Amino acid sequence: MRGKSIAGKTTAFKVFAISNNIALFTSLSIVIVLVSIIPFRRKPHTILLTIAHKVMWVAVAFMATGYVAATWVILPHSQGMQWLSVVLLALGGGSLATIFIGLSVMLLEHWLRKSKWRKTRNESGDGAASYEKESENSDFESSYLQGYHSY
């Protein structure tokens, strides 16, 4: 057993090992795809980025799971040290909640901006020909001045 993990047989370590491997190889796969493929048309590019975005969320979720499991394995579970894991999880969860709330606000602002953009475009009377163009590019065109596109 020399060189083997003492905690290797615990459930928390197994969760860590599985989550860590999934997070690593999912992240590496997305990086390879994004670096290797350069689409020249807007629609395939948008599809590729949307899929990559979803897969990165899977990688991040497994990374967070692996971190929590590893923290659980290495922290002492004695009576006077239980507060440490609670504080660490509260800090991590609080920061993630703040980011999720911020991203949700940005997404809501994007939806409202897009709705307003569609309304003004339809009021300008461009007809059915512009509807096809709008359905392809409305996210990008309505967010052009913002400099980013929210998913």
C-alpha atoms as a PDB file:
ATOM      1  CA  MET A   1       0.000   0.000   0.000  1.00  0.00           C
ATOM      2  CA  ARG A   2       3.011   2.340  -0.144  1.00  0.00           C
ATOM      3  CA  GLY A   3       2.246   5.385  -2.221  1.00  0.00           C
ATOM      4  CA  LYS A   4      -1.490   4.712  -2.122  1.00  0.00           C
ATOM      5  CA  SER A   5      -3.989   7.163  -0.683  1.00  0.00           C
ATOM      6  CA  ILE A   6      -5.097   6.478   2.878  1.00  0.00           C
ATOM      7  CA  ALA A   7      -8.516   7.921   2.048  1.00  0.00           C
ATOM      8  CA  GLY A   8      -8.757   5.948  -1.219  1.00  0.00           C
ATOM      9  CA  LYS A   9     -11.510   3.667   0.037  1.00  0.00           C
ATOM     10  CA  THR A  10     -13.804   6.451   1.297  1.00  0.00           C
ATOM     11  CA  THR A  11     -16.874   7.504  -0.666  1.00  0.00           C
ATOM     12  CA  ALA A  12     -15.805  11.147  -0.654  1.00  0.00           C
ATOM     13  CA  PHE A  13     -12.484  10.252  -2.301  1.00  0.00           C
ATOM     14  CA  LYS A  14     -14.244   8.182  -4.970  1.00  0.00           C
ATOM     15  CA  VAL A  15     -16.601  11.086  -5.697  1.00  0.00           C
ATOM     16  CA  PHE A  16     -13.557  13.365  -5.924  1.00  0.00           C
ATOM     17  CA  ALA A  17     -11.686  11.059  -8.294  1.00  0.00           C
ATOM     18  CA  ILE A  18     -14.644  10.615 -10.651  1.00  0.00           C
ATOM     19  CA  SER A  19     -15.629  14.308 -10.616  1.00  0.00           C
ATOM     20  CA  ASN A  20     -12.050  15.442 -11.071  1.00  0.00           C
ATOM     21  CA  ASN A  21     -11.523  13.185 -14.102  1.00  0.00           C
ATOM     22  CA  ILE A  22     -14.810  14.208 -15.749  1.00  0.00           C
ATOM     23  CA  ALA A  23     -14.070  17.899 -15.163  1.00  0.00           C
ATOM     24  CA  LEU A  24     -10.524  17.639 -16.494  1.00  0.00           C
ATOM     25  CA  PHE A  25     -11.277  15.731 -19.675  1.00  0.00           C
ATOM     26  CA  THR A  26     -14.460  17.658 -20.449  1.00  0.00           C
ATOM     27  CA  SER A  27     -12.568  20.936 -20.100  1.00  0.00           C
ATOM     28  CA  LEU A  28      -9.692  19.680 -22.221  1.00  0.00           C
ATOM     29  CA  SER A  29     -12.098  18.472 -24.912  1.00  0.00           C
ATOM     30  CA  ILE A  30     -13.801  21.855 -25.109  1.00  0.00           C
ATOM     31  CA  VAL A  31     -10.472  23.687 -25.277  1.00  0.00           C
ATOM     32  CA  ILE A  32      -9.301  21.421 -28.095  1.00  0.00           C
ATOM     33  CA  VAL A  33     -12.553  21.880 -30.037  1.00  0.00           C
ATOM     34  CA  LEU A  34     -12.558  25.664 -29.619  1.00  0.00           C
ATOM     35  CA  VAL A  35      -8.898  25.984 -30.591  1.00  0.00           C
ATOM     36  CA  SER A  36      -9.056  23.571 -33.547  1.00  0.00           C
ATOM     37  CA  ILE A  37     -12.300  24.535 -35.291  1.00  0.00           C
ATOM     38  CA  ILE A  38     -12.766  27.941 -36.876  1.00  0.00           C
ATOM     39  CA  PRO A  39     -16.222  28.210 -38.463  1.00  0.00           C
ATOM     40  CA  PHE A  40     -16.552  30.885 -41.134  1.00  0.00           C
ATOM     41  CA  ARG A  41     -20.317  31.268 -41.040  1.00  0.00           C
ATOM     42  CA  ARG A  42     -22.253  32.856 -38.195  1.00  0.00           C
ATOM     43  CA  LYS A  43     -24.866  30.143 -37.604  1.00  0.00           C
ATOM     44  CA  PRO A  44     -22.411  27.195 -37.233  1.00  0.00           C
ATOM     45  CA  HIS A  45     -20.211  29.418 -35.064  1.00  0.00           C
ATOM     46  CA  THR A  46     -23.149  30.242 -32.791  1.00  0.00           C
ATOM     47  CA  ILE A  47     -24.141  26.569 -32.542  1.00  0.00           C
ATOM     48  CA  LEU A  48     -20.574  25.567 -31.694  1.00  0.00           C
ATOM     49  CA  LEU A  49     -20.281  28.242 -29.011  1.00  0.00           C
ATOM     50  CA  THR A  50     -23.667  27.343 -27.531  1.00  0.00           C
ATOM     51  CA  ILE A  51     -22.724  23.664 -27.244  1.00  0.00           C
ATOM     52  CA  ALA A  52     -19.301  24.539 -25.837  1.00  0.00           C
ATOM     53  CA  HIS A  53     -20.981  26.824 -23.318  1.00  0.00           C
ATOM     54  CA  LYS A  54     -23.258  24.028 -22.064  1.00  0.00           C
ATOM     55  CA  VAL A  55     -20.427  21.485 -21.862  1.00  0.00           C
ATOM     56  CA  MET A  56     -18.270  23.957 -19.932  1.00  0.00           C
ATOM     57  CA  TRP A  57     -21.066  24.259 -17.357  1.00  0.00           C
ATOM     58  CA  VAL A  58     -20.916  20.465 -16.969  1.00  0.00           C
ATOM     59  CA  ALA A  59     -17.141  20.672 -16.470  1.00  0.00           C
ATOM     60  CA  VAL A  60     -17.509  23.460 -13.906  1.00  0.00           C
ATOM     61  CA  ALA A  61     -20.191  21.522 -12.017  1.00  0.00           C
ATOM     62  CA  PHE A  62     -17.962  18.452 -11.783  1.00  0.00           C
ATOM     63  CA  MET A  63     -14.999  20.614 -10.808  1.00  0.00           C
ATOM     64  CA  ALA A  64     -17.016  22.091  -7.937  1.00  0.00           C
ATOM     65  CA  THR A  65     -18.189  18.618  -6.898  1.00  0.00           C
ATOM     66  CA  GLY A  66     -14.618  17.336  -6.946  1.00  0.00           C
ATOM     67  CA  TYR A  67     -13.443  20.277  -4.868  1.00  0.00           C
ATOM     68  CA  VAL A  68     -16.149  19.770  -2.237  1.00  0.00           C
ATOM     69  CA  ALA A  69     -15.396  16.034  -2.061  1.00  0.00           C
ATOM     70  CA  ALA A  70     -11.635  16.650  -1.759  1.00  0.00           C
ATOM     71  CA  THR A  71     -12.215  19.244   0.933  1.00  0.00           C
ATOM     72  CA  TRP A  72     -14.407  16.786   2.806  1.00  0.00           C
ATOM     73  CA  VAL A  73     -11.648  14.149   2.618  1.00  0.00           C
ATOM     74  CA  ILE A  74      -8.805  16.340   3.861  1.00  0.00           C
ATOM     75  CA  LEU A  75     -10.532  18.387   6.567  1.00  0.00           C
ATOM     76  CA  PRO A  76     -10.575  16.994  10.098  1.00  0.00           C
ATOM     77  CA  HIS A  77     -13.992  15.899  11.340  1.00  0.00           C
ATOM     78  CA  SER A  78     -13.374  16.405  15.026  1.00  0.00           C
ATOM     79  CA  GLN A  79     -15.887  18.183  17.247  1.00  0.00           C
ATOM     80  CA  GLY A  80     -14.106  21.563  17.293  1.00  0.00           C
ATOM     81  CA  MET A  81     -13.371  21.708  13.529  1.00  0.00           C
ATOM     82  CA  GLN A  82     -16.826  21.241  11.971  1.00  0.00           C
ATOM     83  CA  TRP A  83     -17.191  25.010  11.544  1.00  0.00           C
ATOM     84  CA  LEU A  84     -14.335  25.064   9.015  1.00  0.00           C
ATOM     85  CA  SER A  85     -16.131  22.994   6.376  1.00  0.00           C
ATOM     86  CA  VAL A  86     -19.322  25.014   6.918  1.00  0.00           C
ATOM     87  CA  VAL A  87     -17.451  28.315   6.449  1.00  0.00           C
ATOM     88  CA  LEU A  88     -15.614  27.087   3.342  1.00  0.00           C
ATOM     89  CA  LEU A  89     -18.804  25.790   1.726  1.00  0.00           C
ATOM     90  CA  ALA A  90     -20.671  28.992   2.633  1.00  0.00           C
ATOM     91  CA  LEU A  91     -17.942  31.141   1.051  1.00  0.00           C
ATOM     92  CA  GLY A  92     -17.849  29.036  -2.100  1.00  0.00           C
ATOM     93  CA  GLY A  93     -21.615  28.775  -2.343  1.00  0.00           C
ATOM     94  CA  GLY A  94     -22.025  32.490  -1.675  1.00  0.00           C
ATOM     95  CA  SER A  95     -19.590  33.465  -4.409  1.00  0.00           C
ATOM     96  CA  LEU A  96     -21.261  31.107  -6.895  1.00  0.00           C
ATOM     97  CA  ALA A  97     -24.706  32.419  -5.935  1.00  0.00           C
ATOM     98  CA  THR A  98     -23.496  35.984  -6.497  1.00  0.00           C
ATOM     99  CA  ILE A  99     -22.176  35.072  -9.938  1.00  0.00           C
ATOM    100  CA  PHE A 100     -25.398  33.242 -10.872  1.00  0.00           C
ATOM    101  CA  ILE A 101     -27.514  36.200  -9.762  1.00  0.00           C
ATOM    102  CA  GLY A 102     -25.314  38.595 -11.741  1.00  0.00           C
ATOM    103  CA  LEU A 103     -25.495  36.412 -14.861  1.00  0.00           C
ATOM    104  CA  SER A 104     -29.268  36.076 -14.473  1.00  0.00           C
ATOM    105  CA  VAL A 105     -29.633  39.860 -14.315  1.00  0.00           C
ATOM    106  CA  MET A 106     -27.469  40.207 -17.430  1.00  0.00           C
ATOM    107  CA  LEU A 107     -29.573  37.584 -19.240  1.00  0.00           C
ATOM    108  CA  LEU A 108     -32.805  39.321 -18.253  1.00  0.00           C
ATOM    109  CA  GLU A 109     -31.431  42.655 -19.498  1.00  0.00           C
ATOM    110  CA  HIS A 110     -30.466  40.955 -22.763  1.00  0.00           C
ATOM    111  CA  TRP A 111     -33.966  39.499 -23.221  1.00  0.00           C
ATOM    112  CA  LEU A 112     -35.551  42.895 -22.570  1.00  0.00           C
ATOM    113  CA  ARG A 113     -33.122  44.628 -24.949  1.00  0.00           C
ATOM    114  CA  LYS A 114     -33.804  41.978 -27.611  1.00  0.00           C
ATOM    115  CA  SER A 115     -37.563  42.346 -27.165  1.00  0.00           C
ATOM    116  CA  LYS A 116     -37.300  46.135 -27.525  1.00  0.00           C
ATOM    117  CA  TRP A 117     -35.051  45.716 -30.574  1.00  0.00           C
ATOM    118  CA  ARG A 118     -37.574  43.371 -32.236  1.00  0.00           C
ATOM    119  CA  LYS A 119     -40.430  45.724 -31.473  1.00  0.00           C
ATOM    120  CA  THR A 120     -38.681  48.737 -33.010  1.00  0.00           C
ATOM    121  CA  ARG A 121     -37.602  46.674 -36.002  1.00  0.00           C
ATOM    122  CA  ASN A 122     -41.144  45.417 -36.607  1.00  0.00           C
ATOM    123  CA  GLU A 123     -42.535  48.948 -36.256  1.00  0.00           C
ATOM    124  CA  SER A 124     -40.154  50.178 -38.952  1.00  0.00           C
ATOM    125  CA  GLY A 125     -42.129  48.056 -41.454  1.00  0.00           C
ATOM    126  CA  ASP A 126     -39.359  45.950 -42.976  1.00  0.00           C
ATOM    127  CA  GLY A 127     -41.844  43.167 -43.759  1.00  0.00           C
ATOM    128  CA  ALA A 128     -41.424  39.397 -43.927  1.00  0.00           C
ATOM    129  CA  ALA A 129     -38.007  39.563 -45.617  1.00  0.00           C
ATOM    130  CA  SER A 130     -36.406  41.090 -42.548  1.00  0.00           C
ATOM    131  CA  TYR A 131     -38.064  38.549 -40.247  1.00  0.00           C
ATOM    132  CA  GLU A 132     -35.822  35.804 -41.626  1.00  0.00           C
ATOM    133  CA  LYS A 133     -32.723  37.896 -41.062  1.00  0.00           C
ATOM    134  CA  GLU A 134     -33.904  38.898 -37.592  1.00  0.00           C
ATOM    135  CA  SER A 135     -34.433  35.298 -36.496  1.00  0.00           C
ATOM    136  CA  GLU A 136     -30.813  34.486 -37.360  1.00  0.00           C
ATOM    137  CA  ASN A 137     -29.084  37.552 -35.974  1.00  0.00           C
ATOM    138  CA  SER A 138     -31.401  39.133 -33.413  1.00  0.00           C
ATOM    139  CA  ASP A 139     -29.237  38.141 -30.443  1.00  0.00           C
ATOM    140  CA  PHE A 140     -26.128  39.630 -31.997  1.00  0.00           C
ATOM    141  CA  GLU A 141     -27.734  42.693 -33.532  1.00  0.00           C
ATOM    142  CA  SER A 142     -29.653  43.635 -30.381  1.00  0.00           C
ATOM    143  CA  SER A 143     -26.460  43.304 -28.285  1.00  0.00           C
ATOM    144  CA  TYR A 144     -24.025  44.889 -30.729  1.00  0.00           C
ATOM    145  CA  LEU A 145     -23.413  48.051 -28.711  1.00  0.00           C
ATOM    146  CA  GLN A 146     -23.000  46.076 -25.466  1.00  0.00           C
ATOM    147  CA  GLY A 147     -19.953  44.229 -26.793  1.00  0.00           C
ATOM    148  CA  TYR A 148     -21.064  40.805 -25.551  1.00  0.00           C
ATOM    149  CA  HIS A 149     -23.807  38.246 -26.038  1.00  0.00           C
ATOM    150  CA  SER A 150     -25.539  36.579 -23.080  1.00  0.00           C
ATOM    151  CA  TYR A 151     -26.630  32.951 -23.406  1.00  0.00           C
END
